């Protein structure tokens, strides 16, 4: 399975590149089994996939019927409210970092039920327990879906 995943991802990105990757694993009913990822890294995509396969695939094995990989292609800080309200949530993900403790939270692009930046900020802050004082990073991904 690891080879199949790497072959599919290599069609979209150089596996030696050091870019963020998010993984989501789903069962036959479309229910999320597991998700994890990093927005930035100094490790190659190939190594991240190896870690993913060792962890999540070994834990859930045959239950996994579909994988989605979001490969981060661009990331930038954006704290200007006038620019944030223009963000197309179907194209951009949001990563928040809170003050000095660096507590953070993330929402991937095109998340179901999130249509505005206000909804995204509220959902992230609530889920991760963040205050109102955060730095906002916007990012784009290439989404790769792999049926198993």
C-alpha atoms as a PDB file:
ATOM      1  CA  UNK A   1       0.000   0.000   0.000  1.00  0.00           C
ATOM      2  CA  UNK A   2       2.891   2.330   0.784  1.00  0.00           C
ATOM      3  CA  UNK A   3       4.144   1.949  -2.808  1.00  0.00           C
ATOM      4  CA  UNK A   4       0.697   2.723  -4.246  1.00  0.00           C
ATOM      5  CA  UNK A   5       0.428   5.865  -2.131  1.00  0.00           C
ATOM      6  CA  UNK A   6       3.882   7.111  -3.115  1.00  0.00           C
ATOM      7  CA  UNK A   7       3.236   6.384  -6.804  1.00  0.00           C
ATOM      8  CA  UNK A   8       0.025   8.431  -6.722  1.00  0.00           C
ATOM      9  CA  UNK A   9       1.575  11.309  -4.786  1.00  0.00           C
ATOM     10  CA  UNK A  10       4.615  11.409  -7.093  1.00  0.00           C
ATOM     11  CA  UNK A  11       2.248  12.367  -9.935  1.00  0.00           C
ATOM     12  CA  UNK A  12       1.581  15.635  -8.093  1.00  0.00           C
ATOM     13  CA  UNK A  13       4.723  16.476  -6.114  1.00  0.00           C
ATOM     14  CA  UNK A  14       8.393  15.586  -5.817  1.00  0.00           C
ATOM     15  CA  UNK A  15       8.558  13.122  -2.917  1.00  0.00           C
ATOM     16  CA  UNK A  16      11.893  14.602  -1.839  1.00  0.00           C
ATOM     17  CA  UNK A  17      10.312  18.040  -1.350  1.00  0.00           C
ATOM     18  CA  UNK A  18       9.983  19.334   2.193  1.00  0.00           C
ATOM     19  CA  UNK A  19       6.439  20.566   2.280  1.00  0.00           C
ATOM     20  CA  UNK A  20       3.529  20.228   4.637  1.00  0.00           C
ATOM     21  CA  UNK A  21       1.222  17.245   4.250  1.00  0.00           C
ATOM     22  CA  UNK A  22      -2.142  16.407   5.786  1.00  0.00           C
ATOM     23  CA  UNK A  23      -3.500  12.848   5.789  1.00  0.00           C
ATOM     24  CA  UNK A  24      -7.103  11.735   6.193  1.00  0.00           C
ATOM     25  CA  UNK A  25      -8.252   8.095   6.238  1.00  0.00           C
ATOM     26  CA  UNK A  26     -11.886   7.084   5.645  1.00  0.00           C
ATOM     27  CA  UNK A  27     -13.841   3.842   5.959  1.00  0.00           C
ATOM     28  CA  UNK A  28     -16.308   2.378   3.422  1.00  0.00           C
ATOM     29  CA  UNK A  29     -19.147   4.543   4.804  1.00  0.00           C
ATOM     30  CA  UNK A  30     -17.072   7.699   4.340  1.00  0.00           C
ATOM     31  CA  UNK A  31     -16.485   8.166   8.071  1.00  0.00           C
ATOM     32  CA  UNK A  32     -13.190   9.721   9.101  1.00  0.00           C
ATOM     33  CA  UNK A  33     -11.031   7.144  10.889  1.00  0.00           C
ATOM     34  CA  UNK A  34      -7.898   9.194  11.417  1.00  0.00           C
ATOM     35  CA  UNK A  35      -6.270  12.444  10.374  1.00  0.00           C
ATOM     36  CA  UNK A  36      -2.936  14.073  11.005  1.00  0.00           C
ATOM     37  CA  UNK A  37      -0.448  16.341   9.336  1.00  0.00           C
ATOM     38  CA  UNK A  38       1.990  19.202   9.431  1.00  0.00           C
ATOM     39  CA  UNK A  39       1.784  22.651   7.860  1.00  0.00           C
ATOM     40  CA  UNK A  40       5.585  23.023   7.555  1.00  0.00           C
ATOM     41  CA  UNK A  41       8.383  20.517   7.923  1.00  0.00           C
ATOM     42  CA  UNK A  42      12.051  19.879   7.315  1.00  0.00           C
ATOM     43  CA  UNK A  43      11.304  16.254   6.393  1.00  0.00           C
ATOM     44  CA  UNK A  44      10.705  14.976   2.860  1.00  0.00           C
ATOM     45  CA  UNK A  45       7.164  14.055   1.820  1.00  0.00           C
ATOM     46  CA  UNK A  46       8.354  10.475   1.331  1.00  0.00           C
ATOM     47  CA  UNK A  47       9.406  10.231   4.998  1.00  0.00           C
ATOM     48  CA  UNK A  48       6.104  11.702   6.156  1.00  0.00           C
ATOM     49  CA  UNK A  49       4.242   9.101   4.087  1.00  0.00           C
ATOM     50  CA  UNK A  50       6.390   6.338   5.594  1.00  0.00           C
ATOM     51  CA  UNK A  51       5.498   7.566   9.093  1.00  0.00           C
ATOM     52  CA  UNK A  52       1.840   7.741   8.128  1.00  0.00           C
ATOM     53  CA  UNK A  53       1.866   4.198   6.769  1.00  0.00           C
ATOM     54  CA  UNK A  54       3.594   2.860   9.858  1.00  0.00           C
ATOM     55  CA  UNK A  55       1.168   4.576  12.212  1.00  0.00           C
ATOM     56  CA  UNK A  56      -2.314   5.015  10.818  1.00  0.00           C
ATOM     57  CA  UNK A  57      -2.324   2.232   8.246  1.00  0.00           C
ATOM     58  CA  UNK A  58      -1.033  -0.322  10.744  1.00  0.00           C
ATOM     59  CA  UNK A  59      -3.679   0.748  13.259  1.00  0.00           C
ATOM     60  CA  UNK A  60      -6.685   0.745  10.907  1.00  0.00           C
ATOM     61  CA  UNK A  61      -5.467  -1.542   8.085  1.00  0.00           C
ATOM     62  CA  UNK A  62      -8.317  -3.059   6.084  1.00  0.00           C
ATOM     63  CA  UNK A  63     -10.890  -0.611   7.483  1.00  0.00           C
ATOM     64  CA  UNK A  64      -9.359   2.155   5.352  1.00  0.00           C
ATOM     65  CA  UNK A  65     -11.042   2.417   1.958  1.00  0.00           C
ATOM     66  CA  UNK A  66     -10.035   5.928   0.927  1.00  0.00           C
ATOM     67  CA  UNK A  67      -7.141   8.256   1.698  1.00  0.00           C
ATOM     68  CA  UNK A  68      -6.958  11.976   1.079  1.00  0.00           C
ATOM     69  CA  UNK A  69      -3.640  13.797   1.085  1.00  0.00           C
ATOM     70  CA  UNK A  70      -3.503  17.595   1.122  1.00  0.00           C
ATOM     71  CA  UNK A  71      -0.039  18.663  -0.051  1.00  0.00           C
ATOM     72  CA  UNK A  72       0.787  22.233   1.027  1.00  0.00           C
ATOM     73  CA  UNK A  73       1.938  24.295  -1.964  1.00  0.00           C
ATOM     74  CA  UNK A  74       1.867  27.817  -0.545  1.00  0.00           C
ATOM     75  CA  UNK A  75       1.653  29.440   2.891  1.00  0.00           C
ATOM     76  CA  UNK A  76       1.607  33.111   3.894  1.00  0.00           C
ATOM     77  CA  UNK A  77       0.717  35.190   6.916  1.00  0.00           C
ATOM     78  CA  UNK A  78      -2.384  37.361   6.547  1.00  0.00           C
ATOM     79  CA  UNK A  79      -3.581  39.439   9.489  1.00  0.00           C
ATOM     80  CA  UNK A  80      -5.315  42.231   7.541  1.00  0.00           C
ATOM     81  CA  UNK A  81      -9.074  41.877   8.228  1.00  0.00           C
ATOM     82  CA  UNK A  82      -9.909  43.568   4.912  1.00  0.00           C
ATOM     83  CA  UNK A  83      -7.975  40.878   3.046  1.00  0.00           C
ATOM     84  CA  UNK A  84      -9.190  38.013   5.227  1.00  0.00           C
ATOM     85  CA  UNK A  85     -12.858  38.627   4.400  1.00  0.00           C
ATOM     86  CA  UNK A  86     -12.024  38.053   0.712  1.00  0.00           C
ATOM     87  CA  UNK A  87     -10.503  34.595   1.298  1.00  0.00           C
ATOM     88  CA  UNK A  88     -12.147  31.859  -0.814  1.00  0.00           C
ATOM     89  CA  UNK A  89     -12.497  29.062   1.749  1.00  0.00           C
ATOM     90  CA  UNK A  90     -12.849  26.413  -0.954  1.00  0.00           C
ATOM     91  CA  UNK A  91      -9.302  27.275  -2.118  1.00  0.00           C
ATOM     92  CA  UNK A  92      -7.502  28.219   1.108  1.00  0.00           C
ATOM     93  CA  UNK A  93      -6.837  26.552   4.416  1.00  0.00           C
ATOM     94  CA  UNK A  94      -6.359  28.491   7.640  1.00  0.00           C
ATOM     95  CA  UNK A  95      -3.673  27.936  10.271  1.00  0.00           C
ATOM     96  CA  UNK A  96      -3.807  29.924  13.522  1.00  0.00           C
ATOM     97  CA  UNK A  97      -0.961  30.422  15.985  1.00  0.00           C
ATOM     98  CA  UNK A  98      -1.656  31.903  19.412  1.00  0.00           C
ATOM     99  CA  UNK A  99       0.881  34.252  20.987  1.00  0.00           C
ATOM    100  CA  UNK A 100       3.989  33.180  22.813  1.00  0.00           C
ATOM    101  CA  UNK A 101       2.818  29.674  23.724  1.00  0.00           C
ATOM    102  CA  UNK A 102       2.509  28.846  20.002  1.00  0.00           C
ATOM    103  CA  UNK A 103      -0.693  26.888  20.556  1.00  0.00           C
ATOM    104  CA  UNK A 104      -2.178  26.321  17.109  1.00  0.00           C
ATOM    105  CA  UNK A 105      -5.058  24.966  15.067  1.00  0.00           C
ATOM    106  CA  UNK A 106      -5.748  24.240  11.420  1.00  0.00           C
ATOM    107  CA  UNK A 107      -8.648  23.948   8.982  1.00  0.00           C
ATOM    108  CA  UNK A 108      -8.076  22.485   5.525  1.00  0.00           C
ATOM    109  CA  UNK A 109      -9.317  24.079   2.297  1.00  0.00           C
ATOM    110  CA  UNK A 110     -12.825  23.171   1.158  1.00  0.00           C
ATOM    111  CA  UNK A 111     -13.952  21.915   4.572  1.00  0.00           C
ATOM    112  CA  UNK A 112     -17.629  20.964   4.529  1.00  0.00           C
ATOM    113  CA  UNK A 113     -19.818  23.554   6.262  1.00  0.00           C
ATOM    114  CA  UNK A 114     -17.183  26.313   6.221  1.00  0.00           C
ATOM    115  CA  UNK A 115     -17.971  29.039   3.698  1.00  0.00           C
ATOM    116  CA  UNK A 116     -16.500  32.186   5.252  1.00  0.00           C
ATOM    117  CA  UNK A 117     -13.326  33.188   7.055  1.00  0.00           C
ATOM    118  CA  UNK A 118     -15.445  34.082  10.090  1.00  0.00           C
ATOM    119  CA  UNK A 119     -16.769  30.505  10.249  1.00  0.00           C
ATOM    120  CA  UNK A 120     -13.238  29.143   9.824  1.00  0.00           C
ATOM    121  CA  UNK A 121     -11.750  31.313  12.580  1.00  0.00           C
ATOM    122  CA  UNK A 122     -14.587  30.487  14.964  1.00  0.00           C
ATOM    123  CA  UNK A 123     -14.359  26.732  14.289  1.00  0.00           C
ATOM    124  CA  UNK A 124     -10.580  26.632  14.761  1.00  0.00           C
ATOM    125  CA  UNK A 125     -10.613  28.732  17.936  1.00  0.00           C
ATOM    126  CA  UNK A 126     -13.382  26.630  19.457  1.00  0.00           C
ATOM    127  CA  UNK A 127     -11.865  23.247  18.546  1.00  0.00           C
ATOM    128  CA  UNK A 128      -8.335  24.098  19.688  1.00  0.00           C
ATOM    129  CA  UNK A 129      -9.189  26.444  22.580  1.00  0.00           C
ATOM    130  CA  UNK A 130      -7.480  29.500  21.092  1.00  0.00           C
ATOM    131  CA  UNK A 131      -7.971  33.103  22.222  1.00  0.00           C
ATOM    132  CA  UNK A 132      -8.801  36.003  19.963  1.00  0.00           C
ATOM    133  CA  UNK A 133      -5.134  37.079  19.701  1.00  0.00           C
ATOM    134  CA  UNK A 134      -3.742  34.858  16.943  1.00  0.00           C
ATOM    135  CA  UNK A 135      -1.599  35.100  13.837  1.00  0.00           C
ATOM    136  CA  UNK A 136      -3.436  33.926  10.737  1.00  0.00           C
ATOM    137  CA  UNK A 137      -1.704  31.926   8.020  1.00  0.00           C
ATOM    138  CA  UNK A 138      -3.437  31.046   4.772  1.00  0.00           C
ATOM    139  CA  UNK A 139      -2.337  28.108   2.689  1.00  0.00           C
ATOM    140  CA  UNK A 140      -3.144  26.293  -0.543  1.00  0.00           C
ATOM    141  CA  UNK A 141      -2.969  22.579  -1.111  1.00  0.00           C
ATOM    142  CA  UNK A 142      -3.105  20.046  -3.869  1.00  0.00           C
ATOM    143  CA  UNK A 143      -5.665  17.429  -2.836  1.00  0.00           C
ATOM    144  CA  UNK A 144      -4.940  13.855  -3.857  1.00  0.00           C
ATOM    145  CA  UNK A 145      -7.574  11.196  -3.256  1.00  0.00           C
ATOM    146  CA  UNK A 146      -6.497   7.556  -3.308  1.00  0.00           C
ATOM    147  CA  UNK A 147      -9.138   4.806  -3.258  1.00  0.00           C
ATOM    148  CA  UNK A 148      -7.949   1.538  -1.711  1.00  0.00           C
END
